[in-house]
Amino acid sequence: MLKIGLFTFGGGYAMISLLENEFTTKKGWLENDEFMDIIAIAESTPGPIAINSATYIGYKLCGVLGSLVATLGVCIPSFTIIYLISLFFNKFLELTIVAAAFKGIQACVVFLILKAGIKMFKQMKKNVFSYVVMSATFVAMIVINILAVNFSSIFYILISGGLGLLAYGVHLIKQKSKLAQEKSIAAVADKTADNSPMIEDASADNESNVAVDVQDSQGEVNADSTDSMDNKEVE
């Protein structure tokens, strides 16, 4: 965290790429999905994304002490540098070399942020819901910037979170209805299985009764034929 805090320019968004490369690719301390969740949580909670991410990663690795050390590690470089610059801020900005260096750093920061965004987009679970939310946010940001409307970025996060909860609720309702249908089908199948022996017994009884009736009818026919033959002999 000290190394990342020392060599990261451009704020927390530029730090995302370095965090992902350090803790997911090199060290393997975090999975890609977990890292995406960390970024989402760090962005939607108060405070800079770099500090929030460092606090979470440190706590996961070494508990409260790790969280404290990681947070201090990412804060100390920027605090020290800004403190030293503030002592002679005006003279510092007047230096031509410093101004030229910052112009190059600004261009580099744009690329770092863009790279982090593209990489997060590739790792994101792509479905209809994610595409709709991303497109709606993109269009809303463009329209609001064109119209110069004062709209805080926190509302984008809150609205997106609300849409996510709504989608989860709909999915949960569908799952419950599907389980209810499966239970009803299973209950009907169980009743059918329970009634099948009774049906078999009834069919067996019917078959036996039919056989008895056939035998009785055959006996009656034989008796009638015998009587008729006796009557013919008597005649």
Protein backbone atom coordinates (compact mmCIF):
# COMPACT_ATOMS: atom_id res chain seq x y z
CA MET A 1 0.00 0.00 0.00
CA LEU A 2 2.91 2.33 0.66
CA LYS A 3 4.29 1.63 -2.82
CA ILE A 4 0.89 2.13 -4.45
CA GLY A 5 0.28 5.35 -2.53
CA LEU A 6 3.71 6.67 -3.50
CA PHE A 7 3.58 5.97 -7.22
CA THR A 8 -0.08 6.60 -8.00
CA PHE A 9 -1.03 9.89 -9.62
CA GLY A 10 -4.58 10.96 -10.39
CA GLY A 11 -6.51 9.87 -7.32
CA GLY A 12 -8.40 6.71 -6.52
CA TYR A 13 -9.64 5.96 -10.02
CA ALA A 14 -6.12 5.87 -11.36
CA MET A 15 -5.19 3.62 -8.44
CA ILE A 16 -7.76 0.95 -9.44
CA SER A 17 -5.52 -0.45 -12.14
CA LEU A 18 -2.53 -0.68 -9.79
CA LEU A 19 -4.62 -2.27 -7.03
CA GLU A 20 -6.01 -4.87 -9.40
CA ASN A 21 -2.59 -5.68 -10.85
CA GLU A 22 -0.94 -5.94 -7.44
CA PHE A 23 -3.51 -7.91 -5.42
CA THR A 24 -5.31 -9.94 -8.08
CA THR A 25 -2.74 -10.64 -10.80
CA LYS A 26 0.57 -10.73 -8.90
CA LYS A 27 -0.22 -11.85 -5.36
CA GLY A 28 -3.56 -13.59 -5.93
CA TRP A 29 -4.98 -12.34 -2.62
CA LEU A 30 -8.30 -11.41 -4.25
CA GLU A 31 -10.49 -12.95 -6.93
CA ASN A 32 -11.71 -10.83 -9.82
CA ASP A 33 -15.33 -10.85 -8.61
CA GLU A 34 -14.26 -9.93 -5.08
CA PHE A 35 -12.13 -7.07 -6.37
CA MET A 36 -15.10 -5.75 -8.37
CA ASP A 37 -17.23 -5.90 -5.22
CA ILE A 38 -14.55 -4.00 -3.28
CA ILE A 39 -14.52 -1.23 -5.88
CA ALA A 40 -18.32 -1.03 -5.81
CA ILE A 41 -18.38 -0.85 -1.99
CA ALA A 42 -15.49 1.62 -1.80
CA GLU A 43 -17.16 3.86 -4.39
CA SER A 44 -20.59 3.79 -2.73
CA THR A 45 -19.34 4.50 0.82
CA PRO A 46 -18.03 7.84 2.15
CA GLY A 47 -14.35 8.50 1.68
CA PRO A 48 -11.79 8.14 -1.10
CA ILE A 49 -11.88 4.90 -3.02
CA ALA A 50 -8.18 4.23 -2.40
CA ILE A 51 -8.48 4.48 1.40
CA ASN A 52 -11.64 2.39 1.53
CA SER A 53 -10.09 -0.30 -0.64
CA ALA A 54 -6.91 -0.35 1.43
CA THR A 55 -8.93 -0.65 4.64
CA TYR A 56 -10.88 -3.64 3.34
CA ILE A 57 -7.88 -5.46 1.87
CA GLY A 58 -5.82 -4.93 5.02
CA TYR A 59 -8.66 -6.21 7.22
CA LYS A 60 -9.10 -9.31 5.08
CA LEU A 61 -5.40 -10.17 5.27
CA CYS A 62 -4.52 -9.30 8.88
CA GLY A 63 -7.66 -8.13 10.69
CA VAL A 64 -7.87 -4.76 12.44
CA LEU A 65 -4.09 -4.31 12.58
CA GLY A 66 -3.77 -5.01 8.85
CA SER A 67 -6.57 -2.56 8.13
CA LEU A 68 -4.81 0.16 10.14
CA VAL A 69 -1.41 -0.48 8.55
CA ALA A 70 -2.81 -0.63 5.01
CA THR A 71 -4.76 2.60 5.46
CA LEU A 72 -1.75 4.42 6.87
CA GLY A 73 0.47 3.00 4.13
CA VAL A 74 -1.70 4.38 1.34
CA CYS A 75 -2.16 7.76 3.06
CA ILE A 76 1.38 8.53 4.26
CA PRO A 77 3.02 9.19 0.84
CA SER A 78 0.39 11.64 -0.41
CA PHE A 79 0.14 13.34 3.00
CA THR A 80 3.90 13.82 3.19
CA ILE A 81 4.27 15.06 -0.37
CA ILE A 82 1.33 17.48 -0.16
CA TYR A 83 2.58 18.80 3.17
CA LEU A 84 6.02 19.50 1.74
CA ILE A 85 4.53 21.14 -1.36
CA SER A 86 2.26 23.34 0.75
CA LEU A 87 5.29 24.90 2.43
CA PHE A 88 6.35 26.53 -0.84
CA PHE A 89 3.24 25.95 -3.01
CA ASN A 90 3.32 29.13 -5.09
CA LYS A 91 7.01 28.87 -5.92
CA PHE A 92 6.55 25.20 -6.66
CA LEU A 93 3.88 25.85 -9.30
CA GLU A 94 5.95 28.61 -10.89
CA LEU A 95 8.67 26.14 -11.85
CA THR A 96 8.50 25.43 -15.58
CA ILE A 97 9.84 21.91 -15.14
CA VAL A 98 7.13 21.08 -12.59
CA ALA A 99 4.36 22.46 -14.85
CA ALA A 100 5.63 20.41 -17.79
CA ALA A 101 5.83 17.29 -15.64
CA PHE A 102 2.25 17.74 -14.45
CA LYS A 103 0.99 18.07 -18.02
CA GLY A 104 2.50 14.69 -18.82
CA ILE A 105 1.09 13.20 -15.62
CA GLN A 106 -2.40 14.47 -16.47
CA ALA A 107 -2.33 12.73 -19.85
CA CYS A 108 -1.10 9.53 -18.23
CA VAL A 109 -3.83 9.64 -15.57
CA VAL A 110 -6.52 9.77 -18.26
CA PHE A 111 -5.13 6.57 -19.75
CA LEU A 112 -4.91 4.86 -16.34
CA ILE A 113 -8.54 5.67 -15.56
CA LEU A 114 -9.66 4.54 -19.02
CA LYS A 115 -7.68 1.31 -18.72
CA ALA A 116 -9.21 0.57 -15.32
CA GLY A 117 -12.71 1.20 -16.68
CA ILE A 118 -12.19 -1.04 -19.72
CA LYS A 119 -10.74 -3.83 -17.58
CA MET A 120 -13.62 -3.64 -15.10
CA PHE A 121 -16.08 -3.72 -17.99
CA LYS A 122 -14.47 -6.90 -19.36
CA GLN A 123 -14.63 -8.59 -15.95
CA MET A 124 -18.19 -7.48 -15.25
CA LYS A 125 -20.97 -10.05 -15.54
CA LYS A 126 -22.68 -9.05 -18.75
CA ASN A 127 -26.44 -9.43 -18.95
CA VAL A 128 -29.43 -7.34 -20.00
CA PHE A 129 -29.69 -5.66 -16.61
CA SER A 130 -26.04 -4.54 -16.50
CA TYR A 131 -26.19 -3.19 -20.05
CA VAL A 132 -29.40 -1.26 -19.31
CA VAL A 133 -28.02 0.31 -16.11
CA MET A 134 -24.69 1.19 -17.73
CA SER A 135 -26.34 2.71 -20.82
CA ALA A 136 -28.87 4.66 -18.78
CA THR A 137 -26.12 6.05 -16.52
CA PHE A 138 -23.99 7.00 -19.51
CA VAL A 139 -26.84 8.82 -21.26
CA ALA A 140 -27.97 10.53 -18.06
CA MET A 141 -24.46 11.83 -17.34
CA ILE A 142 -24.10 13.23 -20.85
CA VAL A 143 -27.52 14.93 -20.79
CA ILE A 144 -26.99 16.37 -17.30
CA ASN A 145 -23.56 17.72 -18.24
CA ILE A 146 -24.92 19.28 -21.44
CA LEU A 147 -27.82 20.89 -19.57
CA ALA A 148 -25.47 21.96 -16.74
CA VAL A 149 -27.79 20.49 -14.11
CA ASN A 150 -26.46 20.18 -10.57
CA PHE A 151 -26.76 16.43 -10.01
CA SER A 152 -24.48 14.71 -7.50
CA SER A 153 -22.78 11.47 -8.45
CA ILE A 154 -24.11 9.91 -5.24
CA PHE A 155 -27.56 9.81 -6.85
CA TYR A 156 -26.24 7.65 -9.67
CA ILE A 157 -24.97 5.17 -7.08
CA LEU A 158 -28.19 5.22 -5.05
CA ILE A 159 -30.41 4.81 -8.11
CA SER A 160 -28.26 2.00 -9.49
CA GLY A 161 -28.31 0.28 -6.10
CA GLY A 162 -32.10 0.61 -5.99
CA LEU A 163 -32.39 -0.90 -9.46
CA GLY A 164 -30.17 -3.77 -8.37
CA LEU A 165 -32.40 -4.44 -5.34
CA LEU A 166 -35.48 -4.28 -7.57
CA ALA A 167 -33.99 -6.78 -10.01
CA TYR A 168 -33.05 -9.06 -7.11
CA GLY A 169 -36.59 -8.86 -5.72
CA VAL A 170 -38.10 -9.81 -9.08
CA HIS A 171 -35.66 -12.70 -9.39
CA LEU A 172 -36.53 -13.88 -5.86
CA ILE A 173 -40.27 -13.77 -6.60
CA LYS A 174 -39.74 -15.81 -9.77
CA GLN A 175 -37.73 -18.39 -7.85
CA LYS A 176 -40.41 -18.71 -5.18
CA SER A 177 -43.16 -19.14 -7.77
CA LYS A 178 -41.07 -21.75 -9.57
CA LEU A 179 -40.49 -23.66 -6.33
CA ALA A 180 -44.22 -23.50 -5.54
CA GLN A 181 -45.04 -24.95 -8.97
CA GLU A 182 -42.48 -27.72 -8.51
CA LYS A 183 -43.93 -28.55 -5.07
CA SER A 184 -47.47 -28.71 -6.46
CA ILE A 185 -46.34 -30.99 -9.29
CA ALA A 186 -44.52 -33.22 -6.79
CA ALA A 187 -47.63 -33.35 -4.57
CA VAL A 188 -49.80 -34.41 -7.52
CA ALA A 189 -47.25 -37.07 -8.44
CA ASP A 190 -47.24 -38.38 -4.84
CA LYS A 191 -51.03 -38.58 -4.76
CA THR A 192 -51.01 -40.43 -8.06
CA ALA A 193 -48.43 -42.85 -6.70
CA ASP A 194 -50.50 -43.41 -3.52
CA ASN A 195 -53.71 -44.06 -5.48
CA SER A 196 -52.12 -46.43 -8.00
CA PRO A 197 -52.19 -49.53 -5.65
CA MET A 198 -55.89 -48.91 -4.94
CA ILE A 199 -56.55 -48.66 -8.66
CA GLU A 200 -54.63 -51.86 -9.27
CA ASP A 201 -56.59 -53.66 -6.50
CA ALA A 202 -59.87 -52.39 -7.91
CA SER A 203 -58.93 -53.53 -11.40
CA ALA A 204 -57.91 -56.94 -10.02
CA ASP A 205 -61.25 -57.25 -8.19
CA ASN A 206 -63.08 -56.30 -11.35
CA GLU A 207 -61.16 -58.89 -13.31
CA SER A 208 -61.95 -61.59 -10.71
CA ASN A 209 -65.62 -60.63 -10.67
CA VAL A 210 -65.71 -60.79 -14.45
CA ALA A 211 -64.06 -64.21 -14.35
CA VAL A 212 -66.63 -65.46 -11.79
CA ASP A 213 -69.47 -64.09 -13.88
CA VAL A 214 -68.07 -65.80 -16.96
CA GLN A 215 -67.75 -69.08 -15.10
CA ASP A 216 -71.29 -68.79 -13.77
CA SER A 217 -72.64 -68.02 -17.18
CA GLN A 218 -70.76 -70.95 -18.65
CA GLY A 219 -72.17 -73.24 -15.91
CA GLU A 220 -75.65 -72.06 -16.63
CA VAL A 221 -75.16 -72.66 -20.33
CA ASN A 222 -73.85 -76.17 -19.70
CA ALA A 223 -76.77 -76.95 -17.39
CA ASP A 224 -79.27 -75.73 -19.94
CA SER A 225 -77.66 -77.81 -22.66
CA THR A 226 -77.71 -80.91 -20.42
CA ASP A 227 -81.41 -80.42 -19.59
CA SER A 228 -82.27 -80.04 -23.24
CA MET A 229 -80.42 -83.23 -24.13
CA ASP A 230 -82.21 -85.13 -21.31
CA ASN A 231 -85.56 -83.89 -22.54
CA LYS A 232 -84.75 -85.06 -26.07
CA GLU A 233 -83.78 -88.55 -24.79
CA VAL A 234 -87.03 -88.80 -22.78
CA GLU A 235 -88.98 -87.86 -25.85
